[in-house]
Amino acid sequence: MTDYEKLGKLCYFPLVQNPDENWTQGQGRVTDQMIRSFMPEPYPNDNDKSDSMIIVCGPPKLRESVGPLISDKMGWKNAFIYN
């Protein structure tokens, strides 16, 4: 656990599509409900005031599906999609 996690300033949520029987974290595809369970709502008009951001790392299909979800459907402007 990092210092940021200990302070409640970082939430890391590993997610797999096909877990084995020992997996205890998230599974399936990323949904807006999943994101909302960890993140506050974005500021209504000006995300520049928010100190929260979403960072997405993963294979191309994950990035392609989550990018529009967080920016278009959920309204997040402070979202970073990494290759």
N, C-alpha and C. Protein backbone atom coordinates (compact mmCIF):
# COMPACT_ATOMS: atom_id res chain seq x y z
N MET A 1 0.85 -1.17 0.00
CA MET A 1 0.00 0.00 0.00
C MET A 1 0.90 1.24 0.00
N THR A 2 0.61 2.16 -0.91
CA THR A 2 1.42 3.37 -0.99
C THR A 2 0.99 4.37 0.06
N ASP A 3 1.81 5.39 0.28
CA ASP A 3 1.45 6.45 1.22
C ASP A 3 0.15 7.14 0.80
N TYR A 4 -0.04 7.33 -0.51
CA TYR A 4 -1.27 7.97 -0.99
C TYR A 4 -2.50 7.12 -0.67
N GLU A 5 -2.38 5.80 -0.81
CA GLU A 5 -3.50 4.93 -0.47
C GLU A 5 -3.81 5.01 1.02
N LYS A 6 -2.76 5.03 1.85
CA LYS A 6 -2.96 5.11 3.29
C LYS A 6 -3.67 6.39 3.69
N LEU A 7 -3.42 7.47 2.96
CA LEU A 7 -4.04 8.76 3.26
C LEU A 7 -5.42 8.91 2.62
N GLY A 8 -5.84 7.90 1.87
CA GLY A 8 -7.13 7.98 1.20
C GLY A 8 -7.11 8.85 -0.04
N LYS A 9 -5.92 9.08 -0.61
CA LYS A 9 -5.80 9.94 -1.77
C LYS A 9 -5.61 9.18 -3.08
N LEU A 10 -5.57 7.87 -3.02
CA LEU A 10 -5.39 7.05 -4.21
C LEU A 10 -6.22 5.79 -4.08
N CYS A 11 -6.95 5.48 -5.11
CA CYS A 11 -7.71 4.25 -5.15
C CYS A 11 -7.25 3.47 -6.37
N TYR A 12 -6.71 2.31 -6.15
CA TYR A 12 -6.25 1.43 -7.22
C TYR A 12 -7.21 0.26 -7.26
N PHE A 13 -7.82 0.04 -8.41
CA PHE A 13 -8.81 -1.02 -8.53
C PHE A 13 -8.45 -1.95 -9.68
N PRO A 14 -7.78 -3.07 -9.39
CA PRO A 14 -7.46 -4.02 -10.46
C PRO A 14 -8.72 -4.77 -10.90
N LEU A 15 -8.81 -5.01 -12.19
CA LEU A 15 -9.99 -5.62 -12.76
C LEU A 15 -9.56 -6.61 -13.84
N VAL A 16 -10.11 -7.80 -13.83
CA VAL A 16 -9.83 -8.80 -14.87
C VAL A 16 -11.15 -9.33 -15.42
N GLN A 17 -11.11 -9.80 -16.67
CA GLN A 17 -12.33 -10.33 -17.26
C GLN A 17 -12.55 -11.80 -16.91
N ASN A 18 -11.49 -12.56 -16.85
CA ASN A 18 -11.62 -14.00 -16.60
C ASN A 18 -10.78 -14.41 -15.39
N PRO A 19 -11.27 -14.16 -14.19
CA PRO A 19 -10.47 -14.47 -13.00
C PRO A 19 -10.44 -15.97 -12.70
N ASP A 20 -9.40 -16.36 -11.99
CA ASP A 20 -9.39 -17.74 -11.50
C ASP A 20 -10.12 -17.80 -10.15
N GLU A 21 -10.19 -18.96 -9.56
CA GLU A 21 -10.98 -19.12 -8.33
C GLU A 21 -10.40 -18.38 -7.13
N ASN A 22 -9.15 -17.95 -7.20
CA ASN A 22 -8.52 -17.24 -6.08
C ASN A 22 -8.64 -15.72 -6.17
N TRP A 23 -9.17 -15.20 -7.27
CA TRP A 23 -9.24 -13.76 -7.48
C TRP A 23 -10.31 -13.15 -6.59
N THR A 24 -9.96 -12.07 -5.88
CA THR A 24 -10.91 -11.44 -4.96
C THR A 24 -11.23 -9.99 -5.32
N GLN A 25 -10.63 -9.48 -6.39
CA GLN A 25 -10.86 -8.09 -6.79
C GLN A 25 -11.96 -8.02 -7.85
N GLY A 26 -11.99 -6.92 -8.59
CA GLY A 26 -13.03 -6.71 -9.59
C GLY A 26 -12.93 -7.65 -10.77
N GLN A 27 -14.09 -7.88 -11.38
CA GLN A 27 -14.10 -8.73 -12.56
C GLN A 27 -15.16 -8.23 -13.53
N GLY A 28 -14.95 -8.50 -14.81
CA GLY A 28 -15.89 -8.08 -15.84
C GLY A 28 -15.41 -6.84 -16.56
N ARG A 29 -16.34 -6.16 -17.19
CA ARG A 29 -16.03 -4.93 -17.92
C ARG A 29 -16.26 -3.72 -17.03
N VAL A 30 -15.54 -2.64 -17.30
CA VAL A 30 -15.69 -1.40 -16.54
C VAL A 30 -17.03 -0.77 -16.88
N THR A 31 -17.77 -0.40 -15.86
CA THR A 31 -19.06 0.27 -16.04
C THR A 31 -19.04 1.61 -15.31
N ASP A 32 -19.99 2.46 -15.66
CA ASP A 32 -20.08 3.74 -14.96
C ASP A 32 -20.42 3.52 -13.48
N GLN A 33 -21.22 2.51 -13.16
CA GLN A 33 -21.53 2.23 -11.76
C GLN A 33 -20.28 1.84 -10.98
N MET A 34 -19.41 1.08 -11.62
CA MET A 34 -18.15 0.68 -10.99
C MET A 34 -17.30 1.91 -10.66
N ILE A 35 -17.19 2.81 -11.62
CA ILE A 35 -16.39 4.02 -11.43
C ILE A 35 -17.02 4.89 -10.35
N ARG A 36 -18.33 5.04 -10.38
CA ARG A 36 -19.01 5.87 -9.37
C ARG A 36 -18.85 5.31 -7.95
N SER A 37 -18.64 4.02 -7.82
CA SER A 37 -18.48 3.45 -6.49
C SER A 37 -17.15 3.86 -5.85
N PHE A 38 -16.20 4.32 -6.65
CA PHE A 38 -14.90 4.73 -6.13
C PHE A 38 -14.63 6.22 -6.23
N MET A 39 -15.25 6.87 -7.20
CA MET A 39 -14.93 8.26 -7.50
C MET A 39 -16.08 9.18 -7.14
N PRO A 40 -15.77 10.41 -6.71
CA PRO A 40 -16.84 11.39 -6.54
C PRO A 40 -17.34 11.82 -7.91
N GLU A 41 -18.49 12.44 -7.96
CA GLU A 41 -18.98 12.99 -9.22
C GLU A 41 -18.06 14.13 -9.67
N PRO A 42 -17.88 14.30 -10.97
CA PRO A 42 -17.05 15.43 -11.43
C PRO A 42 -17.77 16.75 -11.14
N TYR A 43 -16.99 17.83 -11.04
CA TYR A 43 -17.61 19.15 -10.87
C TYR A 43 -18.53 19.38 -12.06
N PRO A 44 -19.70 19.98 -11.84
CA PRO A 44 -20.70 20.09 -12.91
C PRO A 44 -20.22 20.87 -14.14
N ASN A 45 -19.52 21.97 -13.95
CA ASN A 45 -19.17 22.81 -15.09
C ASN A 45 -17.68 23.00 -15.30
N ASP A 46 -16.88 22.74 -14.30
CA ASP A 46 -15.46 23.09 -14.41
C ASP A 46 -14.61 22.05 -13.69
N ASN A 47 -14.20 21.01 -14.42
CA ASN A 47 -13.37 19.98 -13.80
C ASN A 47 -11.99 20.48 -13.42
N ASP A 48 -11.60 21.66 -13.91
CA ASP A 48 -10.29 22.19 -13.54
C ASP A 48 -10.22 22.45 -12.04
N LYS A 49 -11.36 22.64 -11.37
CA LYS A 49 -11.37 22.89 -9.94
C LYS A 49 -11.23 21.59 -9.14
N SER A 50 -11.44 20.47 -9.79
CA SER A 50 -11.41 19.18 -9.11
C SER A 50 -9.98 18.72 -8.91
N ASP A 51 -9.71 18.14 -7.75
CA ASP A 51 -8.39 17.55 -7.52
C ASP A 51 -8.44 16.05 -7.74
N SER A 52 -9.54 15.55 -8.31
CA SER A 52 -9.67 14.13 -8.63
C SER A 52 -9.43 13.92 -10.11
N MET A 53 -8.87 12.76 -10.45
CA MET A 53 -8.69 12.41 -11.85
C MET A 53 -8.82 10.91 -11.99
N ILE A 54 -9.11 10.49 -13.20
CA ILE A 54 -9.19 9.07 -13.51
C ILE A 54 -8.06 8.76 -14.48
N ILE A 55 -7.29 7.73 -14.17
CA ILE A 55 -6.19 7.29 -15.03
C ILE A 55 -6.51 5.85 -15.44
N VAL A 56 -6.49 5.60 -16.74
CA VAL A 56 -6.82 4.27 -17.26
C VAL A 56 -5.60 3.69 -17.95
N CYS A 57 -5.23 2.49 -17.57
CA CYS A 57 -4.15 1.75 -18.21
C CYS A 57 -4.68 0.37 -18.57
N GLY A 58 -4.34 -0.10 -19.74
CA GLY A 58 -4.79 -1.43 -20.12
C GLY A 58 -4.67 -1.64 -21.61
N PRO A 59 -5.17 -2.76 -22.09
CA PRO A 59 -5.09 -3.07 -23.51
C PRO A 59 -5.97 -2.13 -24.33
N PRO A 60 -5.75 -2.08 -25.65
CA PRO A 60 -6.49 -1.13 -26.50
C PRO A 60 -8.01 -1.21 -26.36
N LYS A 61 -8.59 -2.40 -26.31
CA LYS A 61 -10.06 -2.49 -26.22
C LYS A 61 -10.58 -1.88 -24.93
N LEU A 62 -9.85 -2.04 -23.84
CA LEU A 62 -10.26 -1.42 -22.57
C LEU A 62 -10.21 0.10 -22.70
N ARG A 63 -9.11 0.61 -23.19
CA ARG A 63 -8.97 2.07 -23.33
C ARG A 63 -10.03 2.64 -24.26
N GLU A 64 -10.32 1.94 -25.35
CA GLU A 64 -11.32 2.41 -26.32
C GLU A 64 -12.72 2.42 -25.73
N SER A 65 -13.03 1.51 -24.84
CA SER A 65 -14.38 1.47 -24.26
C SER A 65 -14.52 2.39 -23.05
N VAL A 66 -13.47 2.51 -22.26
CA VAL A 66 -13.56 3.31 -21.04
C VAL A 66 -13.42 4.81 -21.33
N GLY A 67 -12.62 5.18 -22.31
CA GLY A 67 -12.42 6.60 -22.64
C GLY A 67 -13.73 7.34 -22.87
N PRO A 68 -14.55 6.90 -23.82
CA PRO A 68 -15.84 7.58 -24.05
C PRO A 68 -16.78 7.48 -22.85
N LEU A 69 -16.70 6.39 -22.11
CA LEU A 69 -17.56 6.21 -20.93
C LEU A 69 -17.31 7.31 -19.90
N ILE A 70 -16.03 7.55 -19.59
CA ILE A 70 -15.75 8.52 -18.53
C ILE A 70 -15.83 9.96 -19.03
N SER A 71 -15.52 10.21 -20.29
CA SER A 71 -15.56 11.59 -20.76
C SER A 71 -16.94 11.99 -21.27
N ASP A 72 -17.57 11.17 -22.09
CA ASP A 72 -18.86 11.53 -22.68
C ASP A 72 -20.04 11.22 -21.76
N LYS A 73 -20.12 10.00 -21.27
CA LYS A 73 -21.28 9.60 -20.46
C LYS A 73 -21.22 10.17 -19.05
N MET A 74 -20.03 10.18 -18.44
CA MET A 74 -19.92 10.60 -17.05
C MET A 74 -19.49 12.05 -16.88
N GLY A 75 -18.94 12.67 -17.92
CA GLY A 75 -18.60 14.08 -17.85
C GLY A 75 -17.24 14.40 -17.27
N TRP A 76 -16.35 13.42 -17.14
CA TRP A 76 -15.02 13.68 -16.58
C TRP A 76 -14.13 14.31 -17.64
N LYS A 77 -13.49 15.42 -17.29
CA LYS A 77 -12.50 16.03 -18.17
C LYS A 77 -11.09 15.69 -17.70
N ASN A 78 -10.94 15.41 -16.42
CA ASN A 78 -9.63 15.05 -15.86
C ASN A 78 -9.45 13.54 -15.93
N ALA A 79 -9.40 13.04 -17.16
CA ALA A 79 -9.22 11.61 -17.38
C ALA A 79 -8.05 11.41 -18.32
N PHE A 80 -7.19 10.48 -17.98
CA PHE A 80 -5.99 10.23 -18.76
C PHE A 80 -5.99 8.77 -19.17
N ILE A 81 -5.84 8.54 -20.47
CA ILE A 81 -5.84 7.19 -21.02
C ILE A 81 -4.41 6.92 -21.51
N TYR A 82 -3.77 5.90 -20.94
CA TYR A 82 -2.38 5.58 -21.27
C TYR A 82 -2.27 4.33 -22.12
N ASN A 83 -1.37 4.39 -23.09
CA ASN A 83 -1.08 3.22 -23.93
C ASN A 83 -0.11 2.30 -23.23
